[in-house]
């Protein structure tokens, strides 16, 4: 290989490597790229939020929801998720067992409706 060609290849490889690093920095910082772990966490948060909203809707659909809301308000905050689990509002249609965290997120959502 000629010295001129070796120099061109050397600088070309360095340019390619530096360009790739710069592209990744820009992509992850401002381009919205994410890793699979971040995407999985974002998906789980979105699913939990939607299931909590469904739980609140199932709670509010009950004919005696105002009485139940008062009863929920009288409980300690750490017992509210147990109350929701016992009544079954945290279960999504077709589920036999609710996902972890849905009852707590539902209790937090209903906590905004409680008037003290």
N, C-alpha and C. Protein backbone atom coordinates (compact mmCIF):
# COMPACT_ATOMS: atom_id res chain seq x y z
N UNK A 1 0.85 -1.16 0.00
CA UNK A 1 0.00 0.00 0.00
C UNK A 1 0.90 1.24 0.00
N UNK A 2 0.53 2.20 -0.79
CA UNK A 2 1.32 3.43 -0.89
C UNK A 2 1.12 4.25 0.38
N UNK A 3 2.10 5.03 0.78
CA UNK A 3 1.97 5.87 1.98
C UNK A 3 0.81 6.86 1.89
N UNK A 4 0.54 7.38 0.68
CA UNK A 4 -0.58 8.33 0.53
C UNK A 4 -1.92 7.61 0.79
N UNK A 5 -2.03 6.39 0.28
CA UNK A 5 -3.25 5.61 0.46
C UNK A 5 -3.42 5.20 1.92
N UNK A 6 -2.34 4.83 2.59
CA UNK A 6 -2.40 4.44 4.00
C UNK A 6 -2.86 5.61 4.85
N UNK A 7 -2.38 6.80 4.55
CA UNK A 7 -2.81 8.00 5.29
C UNK A 7 -4.29 8.28 5.10
N UNK A 8 -4.76 8.12 3.84
CA UNK A 8 -6.18 8.36 3.55
C UNK A 8 -7.07 7.35 4.28
N UNK A 9 -6.64 6.09 4.29
CA UNK A 9 -7.40 5.05 4.98
C UNK A 9 -7.42 5.32 6.48
N UNK A 10 -6.25 5.70 7.02
CA UNK A 10 -6.16 5.98 8.46
C UNK A 10 -7.11 7.11 8.86
N UNK A 11 -7.06 8.23 8.13
CA UNK A 11 -7.93 9.35 8.46
C UNK A 11 -9.40 9.05 8.17
N UNK A 12 -9.64 8.22 7.16
CA UNK A 12 -11.02 7.81 6.86
C UNK A 12 -11.62 6.97 7.97
N UNK A 13 -10.82 6.04 8.51
CA UNK A 13 -11.31 5.21 9.61
C UNK A 13 -11.54 6.05 10.85
N UNK A 14 -10.61 6.97 11.16
CA UNK A 14 -10.79 7.85 12.32
C UNK A 14 -12.02 8.75 12.13
N UNK A 15 -12.23 9.24 10.94
CA UNK A 15 -13.40 10.07 10.67
C UNK A 15 -14.69 9.29 10.83
N UNK A 16 -14.68 8.05 10.37
CA UNK A 16 -15.85 7.19 10.52
C UNK A 16 -16.14 6.91 11.99
N UNK A 17 -15.11 6.60 12.77
CA UNK A 17 -15.30 6.31 14.19
C UNK A 17 -15.79 7.55 14.94
N UNK A 18 -15.17 8.69 14.70
CA UNK A 18 -15.59 9.93 15.37
C UNK A 18 -17.01 10.33 14.96
N UNK A 19 -17.34 10.14 13.69
CA UNK A 19 -18.69 10.46 13.21
C UNK A 19 -19.74 9.57 13.87
N UNK A 20 -19.41 8.31 14.04
CA UNK A 20 -20.35 7.39 14.70
C UNK A 20 -20.58 7.79 16.15
N UNK A 21 -19.49 8.14 16.85
CA UNK A 21 -19.62 8.56 18.25
C UNK A 21 -20.44 9.83 18.35
N UNK A 22 -20.18 10.80 17.50
CA UNK A 22 -20.94 12.06 17.52
C UNK A 22 -22.41 11.80 17.19
N UNK A 23 -22.67 10.93 16.23
CA UNK A 23 -24.06 10.60 15.88
C UNK A 23 -24.79 9.95 17.06
N UNK A 24 -24.11 9.07 17.78
CA UNK A 24 -24.74 8.45 18.94
C UNK A 24 -24.99 9.45 20.06
N UNK A 25 -24.05 10.34 20.30
CA UNK A 25 -24.24 11.35 21.34
C UNK A 25 -25.44 12.22 21.00
N UNK A 26 -25.50 12.69 19.79
CA UNK A 26 -26.62 13.54 19.37
C UNK A 26 -27.94 12.75 19.40
N UNK A 27 -27.90 11.52 18.94
CA UNK A 27 -29.12 10.70 18.90
C UNK A 27 -29.69 10.42 20.27
N UNK A 28 -28.83 10.04 21.22
CA UNK A 28 -29.33 9.72 22.57
C UNK A 28 -29.66 10.98 23.36
N UNK A 29 -28.92 12.07 23.15
CA UNK A 29 -29.15 13.29 23.93
C UNK A 29 -30.35 14.08 23.41
N UNK A 30 -30.44 14.26 22.10
CA UNK A 30 -31.49 15.12 21.57
C UNK A 30 -32.40 14.44 20.56
N UNK A 31 -32.00 13.29 20.06
CA UNK A 31 -32.76 12.64 19.00
C UNK A 31 -33.87 11.74 19.46
N UNK A 32 -33.98 11.49 20.76
CA UNK A 32 -35.04 10.65 21.27
C UNK A 32 -34.74 9.17 21.23
N UNK A 33 -33.50 8.79 20.96
CA UNK A 33 -33.14 7.38 20.99
C UNK A 33 -33.16 6.90 22.43
N UNK A 34 -33.54 5.66 22.62
CA UNK A 34 -33.53 5.08 23.96
C UNK A 34 -32.98 3.66 23.89
N UNK A 35 -32.55 3.19 25.04
CA UNK A 35 -32.11 1.80 25.13
C UNK A 35 -33.33 0.92 25.37
N UNK A 36 -33.16 -0.37 25.23
CA UNK A 36 -34.31 -1.27 25.43
C UNK A 36 -34.79 -1.24 26.87
N UNK A 37 -33.87 -1.05 27.82
CA UNK A 37 -34.27 -0.97 29.24
C UNK A 37 -35.12 0.26 29.52
N UNK A 38 -34.73 1.39 28.95
CA UNK A 38 -35.51 2.62 29.13
C UNK A 38 -36.88 2.49 28.48
N UNK A 39 -36.91 1.90 27.30
CA UNK A 39 -38.18 1.73 26.60
C UNK A 39 -39.11 0.79 27.38
N UNK A 40 -38.55 -0.26 27.94
CA UNK A 40 -39.36 -1.19 28.73
C UNK A 40 -39.93 -0.50 29.96
N UNK A 41 -39.12 0.31 30.64
CA UNK A 41 -39.59 1.04 31.82
C UNK A 41 -40.69 2.03 31.45
N UNK A 42 -40.52 2.72 30.34
CA UNK A 42 -41.54 3.68 29.90
C UNK A 42 -42.85 2.96 29.55
N UNK A 43 -42.74 1.80 28.94
CA UNK A 43 -43.93 1.02 28.59
C UNK A 43 -44.66 0.54 29.83
N UNK A 44 -43.90 0.06 30.81
CA UNK A 44 -44.52 -0.41 32.06
C UNK A 44 -45.22 0.73 32.79
N UNK A 45 -44.62 1.92 32.79
CA UNK A 45 -45.25 3.08 33.42
C UNK A 45 -46.54 3.46 32.71
N UNK A 46 -46.54 3.40 31.39
CA UNK A 46 -47.74 3.74 30.62
C UNK A 46 -48.86 2.73 30.87
N UNK A 47 -48.51 1.46 30.93
CA UNK A 47 -49.51 0.41 31.19
C UNK A 47 -50.08 0.59 32.59
N UNK A 48 -49.23 0.86 33.57
CA UNK A 48 -49.69 1.07 34.94
C UNK A 48 -50.64 2.26 35.02
N UNK A 49 -50.29 3.35 34.34
CA UNK A 49 -51.15 4.54 34.36
C UNK A 49 -52.51 4.25 33.73
N UNK A 50 -52.53 3.51 32.63
CA UNK A 50 -53.81 3.22 32.00
C UNK A 50 -54.64 2.26 32.84
N UNK A 51 -53.98 1.28 33.48
CA UNK A 51 -54.72 0.36 34.35
C UNK A 51 -55.24 1.07 35.59
N UNK A 52 -54.49 2.02 36.12
CA UNK A 52 -54.97 2.79 37.27
C UNK A 52 -56.19 3.62 36.88
N UNK A 53 -56.17 4.17 35.67
CA UNK A 53 -57.34 4.95 35.20
C UNK A 53 -58.56 4.05 35.05
N UNK A 54 -58.36 2.83 34.57
CA UNK A 54 -59.47 1.88 34.45
C UNK A 54 -59.99 1.50 35.84
N UNK A 55 -59.08 1.34 36.79
CA UNK A 55 -59.47 1.01 38.17
C UNK A 55 -60.33 2.13 38.76
N UNK A 56 -59.91 3.37 38.56
CA UNK A 56 -60.70 4.51 39.06
C UNK A 56 -62.07 4.53 38.39
N UNK A 57 -62.11 4.25 37.10
CA UNK A 57 -63.39 4.23 36.38
C UNK A 57 -64.29 3.12 36.90
N UNK A 58 -63.72 1.93 37.18
CA UNK A 58 -64.52 0.84 37.73
C UNK A 58 -65.04 1.19 39.13
N UNK A 59 -64.23 1.89 39.90
CA UNK A 59 -64.65 2.34 41.23
C UNK A 59 -65.83 3.31 41.10
N UNK A 60 -65.69 4.28 40.21
CA UNK A 60 -66.72 5.31 40.07
C UNK A 60 -68.00 4.77 39.43
N UNK A 61 -67.91 3.62 38.76
CA UNK A 61 -69.09 3.04 38.12
C UNK A 61 -70.01 2.35 39.12
N UNK A 62 -69.51 2.08 40.32
CA UNK A 62 -70.32 1.41 41.33
C UNK A 62 -71.48 2.33 41.76
N UNK A 63 -72.66 1.77 42.02
CA UNK A 63 -73.79 2.61 42.41
C UNK A 63 -73.57 3.34 43.74
N UNK A 64 -72.79 2.76 44.64
CA UNK A 64 -72.57 3.38 45.94
C UNK A 64 -71.14 3.95 46.05
N UNK A 65 -70.64 4.51 44.96
CA UNK A 65 -69.25 4.96 44.94
C UNK A 65 -68.99 6.12 45.90
N UNK A 66 -70.00 6.94 46.19
CA UNK A 66 -69.78 8.05 47.12
C UNK A 66 -69.56 7.54 48.54
N UNK A 67 -70.33 6.52 48.92
CA UNK A 67 -70.13 5.92 50.25
C UNK A 67 -68.77 5.23 50.34
N UNK A 68 -68.41 4.51 49.29
CA UNK A 68 -67.12 3.82 49.26
C UNK A 68 -65.97 4.82 49.28
N UNK A 69 -66.16 5.96 48.64
CA UNK A 69 -65.12 6.99 48.63
C UNK A 69 -64.92 7.56 50.03
N UNK A 70 -66.01 7.76 50.76
CA UNK A 70 -65.91 8.21 52.14
C UNK A 70 -65.22 7.16 53.01
N UNK A 71 -65.59 5.90 52.78
CA UNK A 71 -64.99 4.79 53.52
C UNK A 71 -63.49 4.70 53.22
N UNK A 72 -63.13 4.92 51.97
CA UNK A 72 -61.73 4.90 51.58
C UNK A 72 -60.97 6.07 52.21
N UNK A 73 -61.64 7.21 52.30
CA UNK A 73 -61.01 8.39 52.90
C UNK A 73 -60.74 8.23 54.39
N UNK A 74 -61.53 7.41 55.05
CA UNK A 74 -61.33 7.19 56.48
C UNK A 74 -60.17 6.25 56.78
N UNK A 75 -59.74 5.50 55.79
CA UNK A 75 -58.64 4.56 55.98
C UNK A 75 -57.29 5.28 55.94
N UNK A 76 -56.30 4.68 56.58
CA UNK A 76 -54.93 5.18 56.45
C UNK A 76 -54.49 4.99 55.01
N UNK A 77 -53.57 5.83 54.55
CA UNK A 77 -53.16 5.79 53.15
C UNK A 77 -52.51 4.45 52.78
N UNK A 78 -51.85 3.81 53.72
CA UNK A 78 -51.20 2.54 53.41
C UNK A 78 -52.17 1.37 53.40
N UNK A 79 -53.42 1.57 53.87
CA UNK A 79 -54.43 0.51 53.85
C UNK A 79 -55.37 0.64 52.66
N UNK A 80 -55.29 1.74 51.95
CA UNK A 80 -56.22 1.97 50.84
C UNK A 80 -56.03 0.98 49.71
N UNK A 81 -54.80 0.62 49.42
CA UNK A 81 -54.59 -0.34 48.33
C UNK A 81 -55.17 -1.72 48.69
N UNK A 82 -55.10 -2.10 49.96
CA UNK A 82 -55.70 -3.36 50.39
C UNK A 82 -57.21 -3.33 50.22
N UNK A 83 -57.82 -2.19 50.52
CA UNK A 83 -59.26 -2.01 50.36
C UNK A 83 -59.65 -2.18 48.89
N UNK A 84 -58.87 -1.59 48.01
CA UNK A 84 -59.15 -1.68 46.57
C UNK A 84 -58.96 -3.11 46.08
N UNK A 85 -57.92 -3.78 46.56
CA UNK A 85 -57.69 -5.18 46.18
C UNK A 85 -58.83 -6.07 46.65
N UNK A 86 -59.30 -5.82 47.89
CA UNK A 86 -60.37 -6.64 48.45
C UNK A 86 -61.66 -6.50 47.63
N UNK A 87 -61.94 -5.30 47.18
CA UNK A 87 -63.15 -5.06 46.38
C UNK A 87 -62.99 -5.51 44.93
N UNK A 88 -61.74 -5.67 44.47
CA UNK A 88 -61.50 -6.18 43.12
C UNK A 88 -61.49 -5.15 42.02
N UNK A 89 -61.43 -3.88 42.35
CA UNK A 89 -61.44 -2.85 41.32
C UNK A 89 -60.13 -2.78 40.55
N UNK A 90 -59.06 -3.30 41.14
CA UNK A 90 -57.76 -3.24 40.48
C UNK A 90 -57.59 -4.30 39.41
N UNK A 91 -58.50 -5.25 39.33
CA UNK A 91 -58.42 -6.28 38.30
C UNK A 91 -58.98 -5.74 36.99
N UNK A 92 -58.25 -5.97 35.94
CA UNK A 92 -58.71 -5.54 34.63
C UNK A 92 -59.69 -6.58 34.10
N UNK A 93 -60.58 -6.19 33.22
CA UNK A 93 -61.54 -7.15 32.67
C UNK A 93 -60.82 -8.36 32.07
N UNK A 94 -61.21 -9.52 32.51
CA UNK A 94 -60.60 -10.76 32.03
C UNK A 94 -59.43 -11.25 32.87
N UNK A 95 -58.99 -10.49 33.83
CA UNK A 95 -57.87 -10.90 34.68
C UNK A 95 -58.38 -11.62 35.92
N UNK A 96 -57.61 -12.62 36.36
CA UNK A 96 -57.94 -13.30 37.61
C UNK A 96 -57.22 -12.65 38.77
N UNK A 97 -56.02 -12.12 38.49
CA UNK A 97 -55.23 -11.47 39.53
C UNK A 97 -54.70 -10.17 38.97
N UNK A 98 -54.74 -9.13 39.79
CA UNK A 98 -54.29 -7.82 39.34
C UNK A 98 -52.77 -7.75 39.29
N UNK A 99 -52.26 -6.88 38.43
CA UNK A 99 -50.83 -6.66 38.36
C UNK A 99 -50.37 -5.88 39.58
N UNK A 100 -49.11 -6.07 39.91
CA UNK A 100 -48.52 -5.40 41.07
C UNK A 100 -48.52 -3.88 40.84
N UNK A 101 -48.90 -3.14 41.84
CA UNK A 101 -48.84 -1.69 41.79
C UNK A 101 -50.11 -1.01 41.30
N UNK A 102 -51.01 -1.74 40.68
CA UNK A 102 -52.22 -1.12 40.15
C UNK A 102 -53.09 -0.60 41.29
N UNK A 103 -53.23 -1.37 42.36
CA UNK A 103 -54.08 -0.93 43.47
C UNK A 103 -53.51 0.31 44.15
N UNK A 104 -52.19 0.41 44.26
CA UNK A 104 -51.60 1.61 44.88
C UNK A 104 -51.77 2.82 43.97
N UNK A 105 -51.57 2.64 42.68
CA UNK A 105 -51.77 3.75 41.74
C UNK A 105 -53.24 4.17 41.70
N UNK A 106 -54.13 3.20 41.80
CA UNK A 106 -55.56 3.50 41.84
C UNK A 106 -55.91 4.26 43.12
N UNK A 107 -55.34 3.83 44.24
CA UNK A 107 -55.58 4.52 45.51
C UNK A 107 -55.06 5.95 45.45
N UNK A 108 -53.92 6.15 44.81
CA UNK A 108 -53.40 7.50 44.65
C UNK A 108 -54.33 8.36 43.80
N UNK A 109 -54.87 7.77 42.74
CA UNK A 109 -55.81 8.50 41.89
C UNK A 109 -57.10 8.82 42.61
N UNK A 110 -57.61 7.87 43.38
CA UNK A 110 -58.84 8.12 44.13
C UNK A 110 -58.60 9.08 45.29
N UNK A 111 -57.36 9.12 45.78
CA UNK A 111 -57.02 10.05 46.85
C UNK A 111 -57.25 11.50 46.45
N UNK A 112 -57.14 11.77 45.16
CA UNK A 112 -57.40 13.13 44.68
C UNK A 112 -58.87 13.49 44.73
N UNK A 113 -59.73 12.46 44.75
CA UNK A 113 -61.17 12.69 44.79
C UNK A 113 -61.73 12.78 46.20
N UNK A 114 -60.95 12.34 47.16
CA UNK A 114 -61.42 12.31 48.54
C UNK A 114 -61.47 13.73 49.08
N UNK A 115 -62.62 14.06 49.63
CA UNK A 115 -62.81 15.40 50.21
C UNK A 115 -62.80 15.25 51.72
N UNK A 116 -61.88 15.92 52.34
CA UNK A 116 -61.82 15.85 53.80
C UNK A 116 -62.30 17.13 54.42
